[in-house]
Amino acid sequence: MTQTTGRFFDELGKLITDAAGAAQGVRKEVEGAVRTQAERVLRELDVVQREEFEAVKAMAQKAREENERLKDRIAELEAVVIDLAIEETEGEGMPQTPRPIRRRKVKRSY
């Protein structure tokens, strides 16, 4: 009786192992199908890919850094211009205000 019981459990073990292997194969098949469908849907929705997003993100960061550098440079140049204007007007006392420009009125005949 021990032999039949052992054989029964051996067969049951093989059956369970085969079922687990089949289930794993089905799982892989379903994953592949779902992945394919998801990629198709994303392609149709025109969603940006990760690589493209990262590239644009890097470009934006570089542009921000360049803007900051240019802001600093403009501030430096404005300071130089102000210093030059102060030096120019120090000897004259009061700074001269520019004379307003008068424009001639254009007569139109319709």
Protein backbone atom coordinates (compact mmCIF):
# COMPACT_ATOMS: atom_id res chain seq x y z
CA MET A 1 0.00 0.00 0.00
CA THR A 2 2.91 2.32 0.53
CA GLN A 3 3.91 2.00 -3.09
CA THR A 4 0.57 3.12 -4.50
CA THR A 5 0.38 6.06 -2.16
CA GLY A 6 3.92 7.15 -3.05
CA ARG A 7 3.16 6.77 -6.73
CA PHE A 8 -0.04 8.75 -6.33
CA PHE A 9 1.81 11.63 -4.68
CA ASP A 10 4.52 11.49 -7.35
CA GLU A 11 1.90 11.81 -10.07
CA LEU A 12 0.14 14.55 -8.14
CA GLY A 13 3.45 16.43 -7.74
CA LYS A 14 4.15 16.16 -11.49
CA LEU A 15 0.65 17.39 -12.26
CA ILE A 16 1.05 20.41 -9.97
CA THR A 17 4.50 21.19 -11.42
CA ASP A 18 3.11 21.01 -14.97
CA ALA A 19 0.16 23.19 -13.99
CA ALA A 20 2.49 25.77 -12.43
CA GLY A 21 4.62 25.80 -15.59
CA ALA A 22 1.54 26.21 -17.77
CA ALA A 23 0.27 29.03 -15.53
CA GLN A 24 3.62 30.78 -15.77
CA GLY A 25 3.53 30.46 -19.57
CA VAL A 26 0.03 31.91 -19.65
CA ARG A 27 1.15 34.75 -17.39
CA LYS A 28 4.03 35.61 -19.75
CA GLU A 29 1.69 35.46 -22.72
CA VAL A 30 -0.82 37.79 -21.04
CA GLU A 31 1.93 40.21 -20.01
CA GLY A 32 3.19 40.36 -23.58
CA ALA A 33 -0.29 40.99 -24.96
CA VAL A 34 -1.03 43.69 -22.39
CA ARG A 35 2.32 45.37 -23.03
CA THR A 36 1.72 45.36 -26.79
CA GLN A 37 -1.76 46.85 -26.35
CA ALA A 38 -0.49 49.50 -23.93
CA GLU A 39 2.30 50.52 -26.33
CA ARG A 40 -0.21 50.74 -29.18
CA VAL A 41 -2.59 52.91 -27.14
CA LEU A 42 0.21 55.21 -26.02
CA ARG A 43 1.47 55.52 -29.58
CA GLU A 44 -2.03 56.44 -30.78
CA LEU A 45 -2.42 59.01 -28.00
CA ASP A 46 0.86 60.60 -29.11
CA VAL A 47 2.31 60.45 -25.61
CA VAL A 48 5.92 61.57 -25.37
CA GLN A 49 8.51 58.90 -24.70
CA ARG A 50 10.71 59.00 -21.63
CA GLU A 51 13.91 59.63 -23.61
CA GLU A 52 12.38 62.59 -25.44
CA PHE A 53 11.05 64.01 -22.18
CA GLU A 54 14.46 63.75 -20.51
CA ALA A 55 16.13 65.44 -23.50
CA VAL A 56 13.70 68.37 -23.44
CA LYS A 57 14.02 68.62 -19.66
CA ALA A 58 17.81 68.89 -20.00
CA MET A 59 17.44 71.56 -22.69
CA ALA A 60 15.07 73.56 -20.48
CA GLN A 61 17.49 73.36 -17.56
CA LYS A 62 20.33 74.56 -19.77
CA ALA A 63 18.17 77.45 -21.03
CA ARG A 64 17.29 78.45 -17.45
CA GLU A 65 20.96 78.49 -16.50
CA GLU A 66 21.78 80.58 -19.57
CA ASN A 67 18.98 83.04 -18.69
CA GLU A 68 20.35 83.42 -15.18
CA ARG A 69 23.84 84.02 -16.54
CA LEU A 70 22.51 86.64 -18.96
CA LYS A 71 20.51 88.36 -16.20
CA ASP A 72 23.67 88.65 -14.14
CA ARG A 73 25.57 90.00 -17.15
CA ILE A 74 22.86 92.60 -17.86
CA ALA A 75 22.93 93.71 -14.22
CA GLU A 76 26.71 94.14 -14.44
CA LEU A 77 26.44 96.17 -17.65
CA GLU A 78 23.69 98.36 -16.20
CA ALA A 79 25.89 99.07 -13.18
CA VAL A 80 28.75 100.08 -15.49
CA VAL A 81 26.47 102.37 -17.49
CA ILE A 82 25.18 104.02 -14.32
CA ASP A 83 28.73 104.49 -13.04
CA LEU A 84 29.77 106.10 -16.33
CA ALA A 85 26.76 108.40 -16.28
CA ILE A 86 27.54 109.47 -12.71
CA GLU A 87 31.17 110.17 -13.59
CA GLU A 88 30.09 112.18 -16.61
CA THR A 89 27.69 114.38 -14.67
CA GLU A 90 29.78 114.88 -11.51
CA GLY A 91 31.72 117.82 -12.92
CA GLU A 92 28.64 119.58 -14.28
CA GLY A 93 26.67 119.82 -11.06
CA MET A 94 23.07 119.03 -11.91
CA PRO A 95 22.54 116.48 -14.59
CA GLN A 96 20.99 117.88 -17.71
CA THR A 97 17.61 116.62 -18.67
CA PRO A 98 17.26 115.89 -22.32
CA ARG A 99 15.26 118.38 -24.36
CA PRO A 100 11.93 116.95 -25.46
CA ILE A 101 11.64 116.16 -29.12
CA ARG A 102 8.90 118.11 -30.84
CA ARG A 103 7.34 116.49 -33.77
CA ARG A 104 5.63 118.31 -36.54
CA LYS A 105 2.02 117.59 -37.07
CA VAL A 106 1.36 116.12 -40.45
CA LYS A 107 -1.56 117.70 -42.25
CA ARG A 108 -3.54 115.17 -44.11
CA SER A 109 -6.01 115.86 -46.80
CA TYR A 110 -8.60 113.28 -47.46
